[in-house]
Amino acid sequence: MLGLYILTVFSFCLLIGLLLLRNKGLGIWRVIVTVLIVLILPVVFFSGHLAAGYTHILMQLPLTMLFIGLIALFCRYDAVVDSSSPKPYRFFRTLGSWFVALAMIACCYSWALYSNQVYFTLQRKFDACYSLSTRMVDRVEQLPEYTIDTPVLVVGDFSKGNYPVAVPEALDGLPYSVGIGEPSEFYYMKGYWGTVHNFIAAYLGVRWQVPDAETVAELVEKTNDFADMPIFPSAGSVFYIDGVIVVMGSAS
């Protein structure tokens, strides 16, 4: 991304030369303001790429603004040589047009590559959630006590159980991007973004009854050894107690 940034800045600098050559009568302050705006724009657009460690998916959106801006400038200062123009202007116009074209291609490639990485990562997260949900529903429905009216309580976070967190190495070296989920593959199935029950209802068509808060409190009070129980998918991690089916996702 640093190379793309440098290429963009250089192409913008060439366009500054074209502006100044075409508009020699501009006042000094207008020239300074124009130069500053053109130089600052790439810095702002690429601030997300320069952040160390991770990027946010929203940080990629300003690239489209840069792309549109380069198209407009490219159309304005094309590579057509006018023999009546001063020789320096013709040189910078031609050279600038080529660099702008290269920057446009680089922006398109960068955006397409990042989009593919994001959608691939999202698909892997969804596949993991779907696979886990299918196995969980099968285990629950195998219990003799299960009926469609039996409440199901899912305890813990699956990413803290027997399923490892999807660190970048587990994603074949893809960069970690904020905005498409936490490192856990099961991001869709916890917190305010959704629950296990919602995911299973939406994608498997199985609607589990959710135990009320009072019932959960009674279970916790009666059963103090939840932390010592097996974690899914271990044997005994899905069990029936006091009218409720419990699935142990993790001990915490």
Protein backbone atom coordinates (compact mmCIF):
# COMPACT_ATOMS: atom_id res chain seq x y z
CA MET A 1 0.00 0.00 0.00
CA LEU A 2 2.91 2.36 0.60
CA GLY A 3 3.93 2.00 -3.05
CA LEU A 4 0.38 2.79 -4.14
CA TYR A 5 0.38 5.84 -1.90
CA ILE A 6 3.69 7.09 -3.34
CA LEU A 7 2.46 6.52 -6.90
CA THR A 8 -0.72 8.46 -6.16
CA VAL A 9 1.15 11.38 -4.58
CA PHE A 10 3.55 11.53 -7.51
CA SER A 11 0.73 11.54 -10.05
CA PHE A 12 -1.01 14.29 -8.11
CA CYS A 13 2.20 16.32 -8.06
CA LEU A 14 2.42 16.06 -11.84
CA LEU A 15 -1.16 17.24 -12.09
CA ILE A 16 -0.24 20.22 -9.92
CA GLY A 17 2.36 21.11 -12.53
CA LEU A 18 -0.30 20.94 -15.23
CA LEU A 19 -2.60 23.20 -13.24
CA LEU A 20 0.11 25.77 -12.67
CA LEU A 21 1.27 25.74 -16.29
CA ARG A 22 -2.28 26.17 -17.59
CA ASN A 23 -3.18 28.83 -15.03
CA LYS A 24 -0.12 31.05 -14.78
CA GLY A 25 -2.16 34.01 -13.63
CA LEU A 26 -3.26 32.46 -10.33
CA GLY A 27 -2.47 34.36 -7.15
CA ILE A 28 0.23 32.95 -4.87
CA TRP A 29 -2.25 32.05 -2.10
CA ARG A 30 -4.55 30.20 -4.50
CA VAL A 31 -1.55 28.28 -5.77
CA ILE A 32 -0.49 27.38 -2.21
CA VAL A 33 -4.01 26.27 -1.25
CA THR A 34 -4.34 24.17 -4.41
CA VAL A 35 -1.00 22.47 -3.79
CA LEU A 36 -1.85 21.73 -0.14
CA ILE A 37 -5.27 20.29 -0.99
CA VAL A 38 -3.86 18.02 -3.68
CA LEU A 39 -1.05 16.80 -1.39
CA ILE A 40 -3.28 16.24 1.64
CA LEU A 41 -5.98 14.28 -0.21
CA PRO A 42 -3.90 11.09 -0.69
CA VAL A 43 -2.83 11.20 2.97
CA VAL A 44 -6.45 11.35 4.09
CA PHE A 45 -7.61 8.71 1.63
CA PHE A 46 -4.89 6.26 2.63
CA SER A 47 -4.93 6.85 6.39
CA GLY A 48 -6.63 3.50 6.86
CA HIS A 49 -3.95 1.64 4.93
CA LEU A 50 -1.17 3.27 6.92
CA ALA A 51 -2.63 2.15 10.27
CA ALA A 52 -0.47 -0.65 11.65
CA GLY A 53 -1.83 -4.06 12.56
CA TYR A 54 -5.28 -4.02 11.02
CA THR A 55 -7.67 -2.12 8.81
CA HIS A 56 -11.39 -1.46 9.06
CA ILE A 57 -13.59 -2.28 6.12
CA LEU A 58 -14.95 1.30 6.17
CA MET A 59 -11.42 2.61 5.71
CA GLN A 60 -11.46 1.25 2.18
CA LEU A 61 -14.40 3.38 1.07
CA PRO A 62 -12.37 6.60 0.56
CA LEU A 63 -10.45 4.72 -2.13
CA THR A 64 -13.52 5.04 -4.32
CA MET A 65 -13.36 8.82 -3.90
CA LEU A 66 -9.75 8.80 -4.99
CA PHE A 67 -10.63 6.58 -7.92
CA ILE A 68 -13.41 8.92 -9.06
CA GLY A 69 -11.15 11.93 -8.60
CA LEU A 70 -8.43 10.39 -10.72
CA ILE A 71 -10.91 9.61 -13.47
CA ALA A 72 -12.06 13.22 -13.51
CA LEU A 73 -8.49 14.53 -13.62
CA PHE A 74 -7.51 11.98 -16.21
CA CYS A 75 -10.35 13.07 -18.46
CA ARG A 76 -9.42 16.71 -17.92
CA TYR A 77 -5.72 16.29 -18.64
CA ASP A 78 -5.51 13.53 -21.20
CA ALA A 79 -2.52 12.43 -23.20
CA VAL A 80 -3.49 14.26 -26.40
CA VAL A 81 -0.55 16.45 -27.43
CA ASP A 82 -1.38 19.92 -28.62
CA SER A 83 1.45 21.28 -30.80
CA SER A 84 0.51 24.84 -29.91
CA SER A 85 1.06 24.26 -26.19
CA PRO A 86 4.43 25.01 -24.55
CA LYS A 87 6.82 22.07 -24.65
CA PRO A 88 7.07 21.67 -20.83
CA TYR A 89 3.28 21.60 -20.60
CA ARG A 90 3.01 18.93 -23.28
CA PHE A 91 5.66 16.83 -21.52
CA PHE A 92 4.06 17.05 -18.07
CA ARG A 93 0.58 16.48 -19.49
CA THR A 94 1.62 13.29 -21.23
CA LEU A 95 3.67 12.03 -18.30
CA GLY A 96 0.97 12.96 -15.81
CA SER A 97 -1.71 11.16 -17.80
CA TRP A 98 0.30 7.95 -17.77
CA PHE A 99 0.91 8.11 -14.03
CA VAL A 100 -2.73 8.88 -13.35
CA ALA A 101 -3.72 5.88 -15.45
CA LEU A 102 -1.33 3.66 -13.47
CA ALA A 103 -2.71 4.98 -10.18
CA MET A 104 -6.25 4.23 -11.36
CA ILE A 105 -5.29 0.67 -12.24
CA ALA A 106 -3.55 0.23 -8.88
CA CYS A 107 -6.61 1.52 -7.01
CA CYS A 108 -8.91 -0.85 -8.89
CA TYR A 109 -6.60 -3.79 -8.19
CA SER A 110 -6.27 -2.88 -4.50
CA TRP A 111 -10.02 -2.57 -4.01
CA ALA A 112 -10.80 -5.79 -5.87
CA LEU A 113 -8.16 -7.71 -3.93
CA TYR A 114 -9.35 -6.41 -0.56
CA SER A 115 -13.00 -7.13 -1.43
CA ASN A 116 -12.14 -10.71 -2.33
CA GLN A 117 -10.27 -11.16 0.95
CA VAL A 118 -13.15 -9.75 2.97
CA TYR A 119 -15.83 -11.86 1.31
CA PHE A 120 -13.67 -14.98 1.53
CA THR A 121 -13.13 -14.41 5.25
CA LEU A 122 -16.84 -13.78 5.80
CA GLN A 123 -17.70 -16.97 3.93
CA ARG A 124 -15.32 -18.98 6.09
CA LYS A 125 -16.85 -17.52 9.23
CA PHE A 126 -20.35 -18.35 8.02
CA ASP A 127 -19.37 -21.89 7.02
CA ALA A 128 -17.89 -22.48 10.48
CA CYS A 129 -21.03 -21.19 12.18
CA TYR A 130 -23.26 -23.27 9.92
CA SER A 131 -21.25 -26.44 10.51
CA LEU A 132 -21.24 -25.91 14.26
CA SER A 133 -24.98 -25.20 14.31
CA THR A 134 -25.77 -28.34 12.33
CA ARG A 135 -23.81 -30.53 14.75
CA MET A 136 -25.35 -28.79 17.76
CA VAL A 137 -28.93 -29.23 16.54
CA ASP A 138 -28.25 -32.91 15.82
CA ARG A 139 -26.90 -33.48 19.32
CA VAL A 140 -29.82 -31.68 20.96
CA GLU A 141 -32.45 -33.55 18.96
CA GLN A 142 -30.86 -36.91 19.86
CA LEU A 143 -31.68 -36.40 23.54
CA PRO A 144 -34.72 -38.48 24.59
CA GLU A 145 -36.11 -35.52 26.53
CA TYR A 146 -36.11 -33.18 23.52
CA THR A 147 -39.37 -31.78 22.20
CA ILE A 148 -40.06 -28.67 20.18
CA ASP A 149 -41.22 -26.98 23.38
CA THR A 150 -38.14 -27.84 25.46
CA PRO A 151 -36.08 -24.72 26.31
CA VAL A 152 -32.44 -24.81 25.18
CA LEU A 153 -29.75 -22.91 27.08
CA VAL A 154 -26.39 -22.32 25.39
CA VAL A 155 -23.66 -21.54 27.92
CA GLY A 156 -20.39 -19.74 27.16
CA ASP A 157 -18.57 -18.56 24.07
CA PHE A 158 -17.59 -21.24 21.53
CA SER A 159 -14.40 -19.41 20.58
CA LYS A 160 -13.23 -19.91 24.17
CA GLY A 161 -14.09 -23.58 24.19
CA ASN A 162 -12.74 -26.38 22.02
CA TYR A 163 -12.79 -24.23 18.88
CA PRO A 164 -9.65 -22.08 18.44
CA VAL A 165 -9.77 -18.40 17.61
CA ALA A 166 -9.19 -17.75 13.89
CA VAL A 167 -5.87 -15.93 14.09
CA PRO A 168 -4.45 -14.65 10.77
CA GLU A 169 -2.32 -17.80 10.44
CA ALA A 170 -5.51 -19.86 10.49
CA LEU A 171 -6.85 -17.78 7.61
CA ASP A 172 -3.97 -18.70 5.30
CA GLY A 173 -2.10 -15.49 6.07
CA LEU A 174 -4.93 -13.11 5.18
CA PRO A 175 -4.71 -9.74 6.98
CA TYR A 176 -7.00 -9.20 9.93
CA SER A 177 -9.75 -6.69 9.12
CA VAL A 178 -11.96 -4.97 11.66
CA GLY A 179 -15.60 -4.58 10.70
CA ILE A 180 -16.26 -8.10 9.43
CA GLY A 181 -16.26 -9.83 12.77
CA GLU A 182 -13.96 -10.61 15.62
CA PRO A 183 -11.14 -13.15 15.27
CA SER A 184 -13.61 -15.80 16.45
CA GLU A 185 -15.19 -17.73 13.62
CA PHE A 186 -18.40 -17.68 15.69
CA TYR A 187 -18.73 -13.92 15.78
CA TYR A 188 -22.23 -14.17 14.34
CA MET A 189 -23.36 -16.29 17.25
CA LYS A 190 -22.71 -14.11 20.27
CA GLY A 191 -23.21 -10.65 21.70
CA TYR A 192 -25.61 -8.05 20.40
CA TRP A 193 -24.97 -9.01 16.78
CA GLY A 194 -26.95 -12.19 17.29
CA THR A 195 -27.25 -15.37 19.28
CA VAL A 196 -26.94 -19.07 18.64
CA HIS A 197 -30.73 -19.31 18.72
CA ASN A 198 -31.15 -16.58 16.10
CA PHE A 199 -28.54 -18.05 13.79
CA ILE A 200 -30.03 -21.54 13.98
CA ALA A 201 -33.54 -20.19 13.43
CA ALA A 202 -32.47 -18.11 10.43
CA TYR A 203 -30.32 -20.67 8.60
CA LEU A 204 -31.52 -24.08 9.81
CA GLY A 205 -35.19 -23.31 10.37
CA VAL A 206 -35.09 -24.72 13.91
CA ARG A 207 -36.65 -22.50 16.56
CA TRP A 208 -35.45 -23.34 20.05
CA GLN A 209 -37.35 -22.09 23.03
CA VAL A 210 -35.27 -19.73 25.19
CA PRO A 211 -35.46 -20.26 28.97
CA ASP A 212 -36.44 -17.18 30.92
CA ALA A 213 -34.05 -15.39 33.26
CA GLU A 214 -35.65 -16.87 36.39
CA THR A 215 -35.20 -20.43 35.12
CA VAL A 216 -31.57 -19.74 34.22
CA ALA A 217 -30.91 -18.28 37.68
CA GLU A 218 -32.40 -21.37 39.34
CA LEU A 219 -30.24 -23.66 37.20
CA VAL A 220 -27.08 -21.74 38.09
CA GLU A 221 -28.02 -21.85 41.77
CA LYS A 222 -28.68 -25.59 41.74
CA THR A 223 -25.73 -26.47 39.51
CA ASN A 224 -22.50 -24.93 40.76
CA ASP A 225 -20.19 -27.12 38.72
CA PHE A 226 -20.92 -25.73 35.22
CA ALA A 227 -17.22 -24.89 34.87
CA ASP A 228 -16.29 -28.54 35.35
CA MET A 229 -18.69 -29.89 32.75
CA PRO A 230 -17.45 -31.13 29.34
CA ILE A 231 -17.21 -28.56 26.54
CA PHE A 232 -18.95 -29.09 23.20
CA PRO A 233 -18.49 -31.30 21.19
CA SER A 234 -17.21 -33.59 23.99
CA ALA A 235 -19.45 -36.38 25.26
CA GLY A 236 -21.75 -35.07 27.98
CA SER A 237 -21.56 -31.44 26.81
CA VAL A 238 -25.26 -31.54 25.85
CA PHE A 239 -27.49 -32.64 28.73
CA TYR A 240 -30.97 -32.30 30.20
CA ILE A 241 -31.54 -30.81 33.65
CA ASP A 242 -34.74 -29.62 35.35
CA GLY A 243 -36.70 -29.29 32.12
CA VAL A 244 -33.95 -27.44 30.24
CA ILE A 245 -31.45 -28.71 27.65
CA VAL A 246 -28.01 -27.22 28.27
CA VAL A 247 -25.26 -26.93 25.64
CA MET A 248 -21.83 -26.09 27.09
CA GLY A 249 -19.97 -23.86 24.63
CA SER A 250 -17.24 -22.94 27.07
CA ALA A 251 -16.65 -22.71 30.79
CA SER A 252 -16.68 -18.90 30.79
